[in-house]
Amino acid sequence: MRASCYRLLSASPITRLTPKLKRMALHPAQDGAKLIFAPTGTTIHPTAPSPSSGENGPGQAAQFVKAEQRGGLRRRDLDPSSPIAQFHTWFTAASRPEAGVAHPETCTLATAQLPSGRVSARMVYMKELDQRGFVVYSNFGTSGKGRDLEGNPWASLVFWWEPLERQVRVEGRAERLTREESQTYFDTRVRGSRVGAWASRQSQVLKPGEGEDDGRAELERWVKEAEERFEGVEQVPVPDFWGGLRIVPERVEFWQGRQNRLHDRFVYDGVVHGEGEDGGEDKWTLERLSP
């Protein structure tokens, strides 16, 4: 890094906020310096829109207008008592063929290391929803998410359903499912995926072999060893390091895209959480947020 850049990065907070530095760029502006700038998606709009059309003109990002005719998202449209019930309603709508959402169960799972606070995220499938929360399945023995969750049980999910111009953000604490619960789901997977769960040491570095092998051969050797281990075994047991993870929500936001980026946002915050059958029902507040 050049010395001038280093001085900018290491300046005190007060210095960085001076008018002079706010006008300075970390890297001097020059033609071709930005590899990507203000992308507009793949839809081409050849003509400029009228001021009230809500469409984007040439070189402008698309507008979110599908909710405009029905007045957007309002408090009365949401379940007054439970974000789980509200999520189920939205997920059901996203699951209809006419919605155009190929895999509504797809979401981003974000975790963070402690004490560094370093955040990592990955795409996963939500496989179950119950009154306690959102369940995903994965390797928690060797994966980065597993290491994060050992020291920091807080996690977040984000669902993005572009054809509906909707997203849902979930924040909460993660808890492992029992082996019996994990086995029930594990049995629904194709045999190759069950064997693969045993074979893959998720996120470990694969060592290159001879010739053009870039490490794939080592993974295939592990798979062969797992296949031999379970040859003739009808019910492959779920590995101890693999299973279900439930995100128990404490905050859930429902987001509906609106024109001019003035989106509708409503957030449920947990105030009382029931524990078990006799612990009472969860209680939530529901507030509108500024976009």
Protein backbone atom coordinates (compact mmCIF):
# COMPACT_ATOMS: atom_id res chain seq x y z
CA MET A 1 0.00 0.00 0.00
CA ARG A 2 1.34 3.45 -0.86
CA ALA A 3 2.37 5.73 1.96
CA SER A 4 -0.34 8.28 1.13
CA CYS A 5 -3.00 5.58 1.38
CA TYR A 6 -1.58 4.36 4.67
CA ARG A 7 -1.71 7.85 6.14
CA LEU A 8 -5.38 8.14 5.21
CA LEU A 9 -6.27 4.82 6.78
CA SER A 10 -4.36 5.48 9.96
CA ALA A 11 -5.58 9.04 10.52
CA SER A 12 -7.50 9.77 13.70
CA PRO A 13 -11.34 9.80 13.52
CA ILE A 14 -11.38 13.59 13.94
CA THR A 15 -8.88 14.07 11.12
CA ARG A 16 -10.81 11.76 8.80
CA LEU A 17 -13.94 13.87 9.22
CA THR A 18 -12.38 17.17 8.17
CA PRO A 19 -13.94 18.76 5.05
CA LYS A 20 -10.68 18.48 3.16
CA LEU A 21 -10.37 14.72 3.62
CA LYS A 22 -14.05 14.07 2.93
CA ARG A 23 -13.44 15.38 -0.59
CA MET A 24 -10.38 13.19 -1.08
CA ALA A 25 -10.53 9.72 -2.63
CA LEU A 26 -8.48 6.86 -1.26
CA HIS A 27 -7.40 6.16 -4.83
CA PRO A 28 -7.15 9.04 -7.33
CA ALA A 29 -9.98 9.03 -9.86
CA GLN A 30 -8.88 7.83 -13.31
CA ASP A 31 -10.49 6.28 -16.33
CA GLY A 32 -10.97 2.55 -15.90
CA ALA A 33 -10.09 2.61 -12.20
CA LYS A 34 -13.45 1.12 -11.18
CA LEU A 35 -14.06 -2.43 -12.36
CA ILE A 36 -17.77 -2.10 -11.45
CA PHE A 37 -19.72 1.10 -10.93
CA ALA A 38 -23.49 1.46 -10.32
CA PRO A 39 -24.58 -1.75 -12.09
CA THR A 40 -28.18 -1.78 -13.32
CA GLY A 41 -28.89 -5.49 -13.63
CA THR A 42 -29.52 -7.39 -16.84
CA THR A 43 -32.87 -5.85 -17.85
CA ILE A 44 -32.48 -3.27 -20.63
CA HIS A 45 -34.68 -0.18 -20.63
CA PRO A 46 -33.98 1.55 -23.96
CA THR A 47 -36.07 4.66 -23.35
CA ALA A 48 -36.23 7.12 -20.51
CA PRO A 49 -39.38 6.83 -18.35
CA SER A 50 -41.89 9.50 -17.62
CA PRO A 51 -41.42 11.13 -14.19
CA SER A 52 -44.35 9.19 -12.72
CA SER A 53 -43.85 5.83 -14.42
CA GLY A 54 -41.65 4.35 -11.70
CA GLU A 55 -39.42 2.68 -14.28
CA ASN A 56 -35.70 3.16 -14.51
CA GLY A 57 -34.10 5.01 -17.38
CA PRO A 58 -30.90 4.14 -19.24
CA GLY A 59 -28.02 3.64 -16.85
CA GLN A 60 -30.24 3.64 -13.77
CA ALA A 61 -30.92 0.80 -11.35
CA ALA A 62 -34.38 -0.76 -11.46
CA GLN A 63 -37.18 0.56 -9.28
CA PHE A 64 -39.20 -1.61 -6.92
CA VAL A 65 -42.79 -1.00 -8.00
CA LYS A 66 -44.73 -4.26 -7.62
CA ALA A 67 -46.19 -3.25 -4.26
CA GLU A 68 -47.15 0.28 -5.32
CA GLN A 69 -50.64 -0.55 -6.66
CA ARG A 70 -51.67 -2.18 -3.40
CA GLY A 71 -50.25 0.63 -1.30
CA GLY A 72 -47.12 -1.15 -0.19
CA LEU A 73 -46.74 -3.07 3.06
CA ARG A 74 -48.75 -1.82 6.02
CA ARG A 75 -48.95 -2.84 9.65
CA ARG A 76 -52.41 -4.29 9.14
CA ASP A 77 -50.96 -6.70 6.54
CA LEU A 78 -48.74 -8.36 9.16
CA ASP A 79 -49.50 -10.92 11.84
CA PRO A 80 -49.82 -8.85 15.03
CA SER A 81 -48.38 -11.46 17.38
CA SER A 82 -45.75 -13.65 15.71
CA PRO A 83 -42.95 -13.23 13.15
CA ILE A 84 -42.95 -17.01 12.72
CA ALA A 85 -46.57 -16.93 11.55
CA GLN A 86 -45.82 -13.95 9.32
CA PHE A 87 -42.78 -15.65 7.80
CA HIS A 88 -44.85 -18.74 7.09
CA THR A 89 -47.38 -16.58 5.23
CA TRP A 90 -44.70 -14.93 3.11
CA PHE A 91 -42.86 -18.22 2.51
CA THR A 92 -46.10 -19.84 1.33
CA ALA A 93 -46.61 -16.98 -1.14
CA ALA A 94 -43.00 -17.27 -2.37
CA SER A 95 -43.43 -21.04 -2.82
CA ARG A 96 -46.30 -20.75 -5.30
CA PRO A 97 -45.21 -21.48 -8.90
CA GLU A 98 -46.64 -18.19 -10.12
CA ALA A 99 -44.38 -16.29 -7.70
CA GLY A 100 -41.35 -17.13 -9.82
CA VAL A 101 -39.04 -17.83 -6.86
CA ALA A 102 -37.06 -20.94 -7.79
CA HIS A 103 -35.87 -21.85 -4.28
CA PRO A 104 -37.55 -19.75 -1.58
CA GLU A 105 -35.75 -21.78 1.09
CA THR A 106 -32.39 -20.32 0.00
CA CYS A 107 -30.91 -17.91 2.52
CA THR A 108 -27.64 -16.41 3.70
CA LEU A 109 -26.35 -17.62 7.07
CA ALA A 110 -23.97 -15.16 8.73
CA THR A 111 -21.81 -15.92 11.78
CA ALA A 112 -19.01 -14.05 13.54
CA GLN A 113 -15.79 -15.03 15.28
CA LEU A 114 -14.91 -13.85 18.74
CA PRO A 115 -12.93 -12.01 19.93
CA SER A 116 -12.01 -10.65 16.48
CA GLY A 117 -15.60 -9.94 15.42
CA ARG A 118 -14.76 -11.13 11.91
CA VAL A 119 -17.96 -11.97 10.05
CA SER A 120 -18.45 -14.70 7.44
CA ALA A 121 -21.51 -15.64 5.40
CA ARG A 122 -22.60 -18.44 3.11
CA MET A 123 -25.69 -19.58 1.21
CA VAL A 124 -27.67 -22.42 2.79
CA TYR A 125 -31.14 -23.97 2.58
CA MET A 126 -33.67 -23.54 5.36
CA LYS A 127 -35.02 -27.04 5.80
CA GLU A 128 -37.50 -26.63 8.66
CA LEU A 129 -39.60 -23.98 10.37
CA ASP A 130 -41.26 -24.52 13.73
CA GLN A 131 -42.54 -22.34 16.54
CA ARG A 132 -39.01 -22.03 17.96
CA GLY A 133 -37.29 -20.92 14.78
CA PHE A 134 -35.51 -21.59 11.50
CA VAL A 135 -33.54 -24.81 10.93
CA VAL A 136 -30.61 -25.40 8.58
CA TYR A 137 -28.35 -28.45 8.31
CA SER A 138 -24.61 -28.57 7.80
CA ASN A 139 -21.20 -29.76 8.99
CA PHE A 140 -20.33 -28.18 12.33
CA GLY A 141 -17.19 -30.15 13.06
CA THR A 142 -14.64 -28.68 10.65
CA SER A 143 -16.47 -25.77 9.01
CA GLY A 144 -15.90 -22.09 9.60
CA LYS A 145 -19.47 -21.64 10.78
CA GLY A 146 -18.93 -24.40 13.34
CA ARG A 147 -15.85 -22.67 14.74
CA ASP A 148 -17.68 -19.34 14.87
CA LEU A 149 -20.66 -20.78 16.71
CA GLU A 150 -18.53 -22.51 19.33
CA GLY A 151 -17.54 -19.13 20.74
CA ASN A 152 -20.44 -16.98 19.58
CA PRO A 153 -23.94 -18.47 19.31
CA TRP A 154 -25.41 -15.40 17.60
CA ALA A 155 -26.26 -15.80 13.92
CA SER A 156 -28.32 -14.15 11.21
CA LEU A 157 -30.31 -15.32 8.19
CA VAL A 158 -31.37 -13.28 5.17
CA PHE A 159 -33.96 -14.43 2.62
CA TRP A 160 -34.20 -12.54 -0.70
CA TRP A 161 -37.17 -13.19 -3.00
CA GLU A 162 -36.45 -10.91 -5.94
CA PRO A 163 -39.58 -11.61 -8.05
CA LEU A 164 -41.69 -10.48 -5.07
CA GLU A 165 -39.30 -7.64 -4.17
CA ARG A 166 -39.18 -8.93 -0.60
CA GLN A 167 -36.56 -9.87 1.93
CA VAL A 168 -36.64 -11.18 5.49
CA ARG A 169 -33.83 -10.67 8.01
CA VAL A 170 -33.56 -12.93 11.07
CA GLU A 171 -31.27 -12.38 14.07
CA GLY A 172 -31.04 -14.78 16.98
CA ARG A 173 -29.17 -17.40 18.94
CA ALA A 174 -28.26 -20.75 17.42
CA GLU A 175 -28.87 -24.11 19.06
CA ARG A 176 -28.07 -27.61 17.82
CA LEU A 177 -30.85 -30.10 17.18
CA THR A 178 -30.75 -33.52 18.81
CA ARG A 179 -29.17 -36.42 16.98
CA GLU A 180 -32.61 -38.01 16.61
CA GLU A 181 -34.05 -34.87 14.96
CA SER A 182 -31.06 -34.62 12.65
CA GLN A 183 -31.34 -38.29 11.69
CA THR A 184 -34.97 -37.79 10.65
CA TYR A 185 -33.95 -35.15 8.12
CA PHE A 186 -30.73 -36.98 7.16
CA ASP A 187 -32.80 -39.96 6.06
CA THR A 188 -34.60 -37.82 3.45
CA ARG A 189 -31.36 -37.06 1.57
CA VAL A 190 -30.24 -39.14 -1.38
CA ARG A 191 -27.70 -41.79 -0.46
CA GLY A 192 -24.87 -39.99 -2.23
CA SER A 193 -25.44 -36.88 -0.11
CA ARG A 194 -25.51 -38.93 3.09
CA VAL A 195 -22.23 -40.63 2.20
CA GLY A 196 -20.83 -37.27 1.11
CA ALA A 197 -21.59 -35.79 4.54
CA TRP A 198 -19.31 -38.42 6.06
CA ALA A 199 -16.63 -37.95 3.40
CA SER A 200 -16.26 -34.18 3.28
CA ARG A 201 -14.11 -32.51 5.92
CA GLN A 202 -15.77 -29.22 5.16
CA SER A 203 -13.49 -26.20 4.68
CA GLN A 204 -10.27 -28.18 5.12
CA VAL A 205 -7.60 -27.53 2.49
CA LEU A 206 -7.39 -30.23 -0.19
CA LYS A 207 -3.77 -31.00 -1.06
CA PRO A 208 -2.84 -31.12 -4.75
CA GLY A 209 -1.50 -34.41 -6.06
CA GLU A 210 0.57 -35.36 -9.05
CA GLY A 211 0.18 -33.90 -12.50
CA GLU A 212 -2.81 -31.62 -13.00
CA ASP A 213 -4.63 -32.73 -9.84
CA ASP A 214 -5.56 -29.60 -7.90
CA GLY A 215 -6.75 -31.45 -4.81
CA ARG A 216 -9.99 -33.00 -6.09
CA ALA A 217 -8.42 -36.46 -5.99
CA GLU A 218 -8.08 -36.29 -2.21
CA LEU A 219 -11.81 -35.54 -1.83
CA GLU A 220 -12.71 -38.38 -4.18
CA ARG A 221 -10.51 -40.72 -2.13
CA TRP A 222 -12.40 -39.73 1.03
CA VAL A 223 -15.70 -40.39 -0.75
CA LYS A 224 -14.50 -43.84 -1.85
CA GLU A 225 -13.49 -44.65 1.73
CA ALA A 226 -16.93 -43.61 3.00
CA GLU A 227 -18.69 -45.65 0.30
CA GLU A 228 -16.70 -48.72 1.33
CA ARG A 229 -17.46 -48.08 5.01
CA PHE A 230 -21.21 -48.04 4.42
CA GLU A 231 -21.43 -50.60 1.65
CA GLY A 232 -24.54 -52.69 2.26
CA VAL A 233 -25.78 -50.38 5.03
CA GLU A 234 -29.34 -49.32 4.23
CA GLN A 235 -29.67 -46.54 6.84
CA VAL A 236 -26.54 -44.43 6.94
CA PRO A 237 -26.27 -42.86 10.42
CA VAL A 238 -25.95 -39.10 10.74
CA PRO A 239 -22.36 -38.12 11.63
CA ASP A 240 -21.74 -36.66 15.08
CA PHE A 241 -20.22 -33.55 13.47
CA TRP A 242 -23.18 -32.98 11.16
CA GLY A 243 -26.75 -32.01 11.92
CA GLY A 244 -29.42 -29.39 12.40
CA LEU A 245 -28.98 -25.86 13.65
CA ARG A 246 -31.98 -23.84 14.79
CA ILE A 247 -31.80 -20.05 14.74
CA VAL A 248 -34.11 -18.97 17.58
CA PRO A 249 -35.13 -15.45 16.52
CA GLU A 250 -34.98 -12.41 18.74
CA ARG A 251 -35.43 -9.93 15.90
CA VAL A 252 -37.12 -10.45 12.51
CA GLU A 253 -37.50 -7.79 9.83
CA PHE A 254 -39.90 -7.93 6.88
CA TRP A 255 -38.89 -5.73 3.95
CA GLN A 256 -41.02 -4.82 0.93
CA GLY A 257 -39.39 -2.95 -1.93
CA ARG A 258 -40.92 0.43 -2.84
CA GLN A 259 -40.32 3.06 -5.47
CA ASN A 260 -37.41 5.52 -5.07
CA ARG A 261 -35.84 3.25 -2.43
CA LEU A 262 -38.47 4.35 0.12
CA HIS A 263 -39.00 0.75 1.16
CA ASP A 264 -41.45 -0.55 3.75
CA ARG A 265 -39.71 -2.13 6.74
CA PHE A 266 -41.33 -3.68 9.79
CA VAL A 267 -39.41 -5.32 12.61
CA TYR A 268 -40.52 -7.72 15.34
CA ASP A 269 -38.45 -7.60 18.52
CA GLY A 270 -38.84 -10.30 21.15
CA VAL A 271 -39.64 -9.02 24.63
CA VAL A 272 -40.71 -12.24 26.39
CA HIS A 273 -39.72 -15.72 25.30
CA GLY A 274 -41.64 -18.76 26.48
CA GLU A 275 -39.65 -21.80 27.59
CA GLY A 276 -41.21 -25.19 27.01
CA GLU A 277 -44.86 -26.10 27.20
CA ASP A 278 -45.48 -24.24 30.47
CA GLY A 279 -43.35 -21.19 29.73
CA GLY A 280 -46.01 -19.17 27.99
CA GLU A 281 -46.06 -17.73 24.51
CA ASP A 282 -43.41 -15.52 22.97
CA LYS A 283 -44.27 -11.82 23.04
CA TRP A 284 -43.16 -9.39 20.35
CA THR A 285 -43.25 -5.71 19.59
CA LEU A 286 -43.87 -4.62 16.00
CA GLU A 287 -42.52 -1.32 14.67
CA ARG A 288 -42.09 0.37 11.31
CA LEU A 289 -38.51 1.37 10.43
CA SER A 290 -37.31 4.16 8.20
CA PRO A 291 -35.86 2.88 4.92
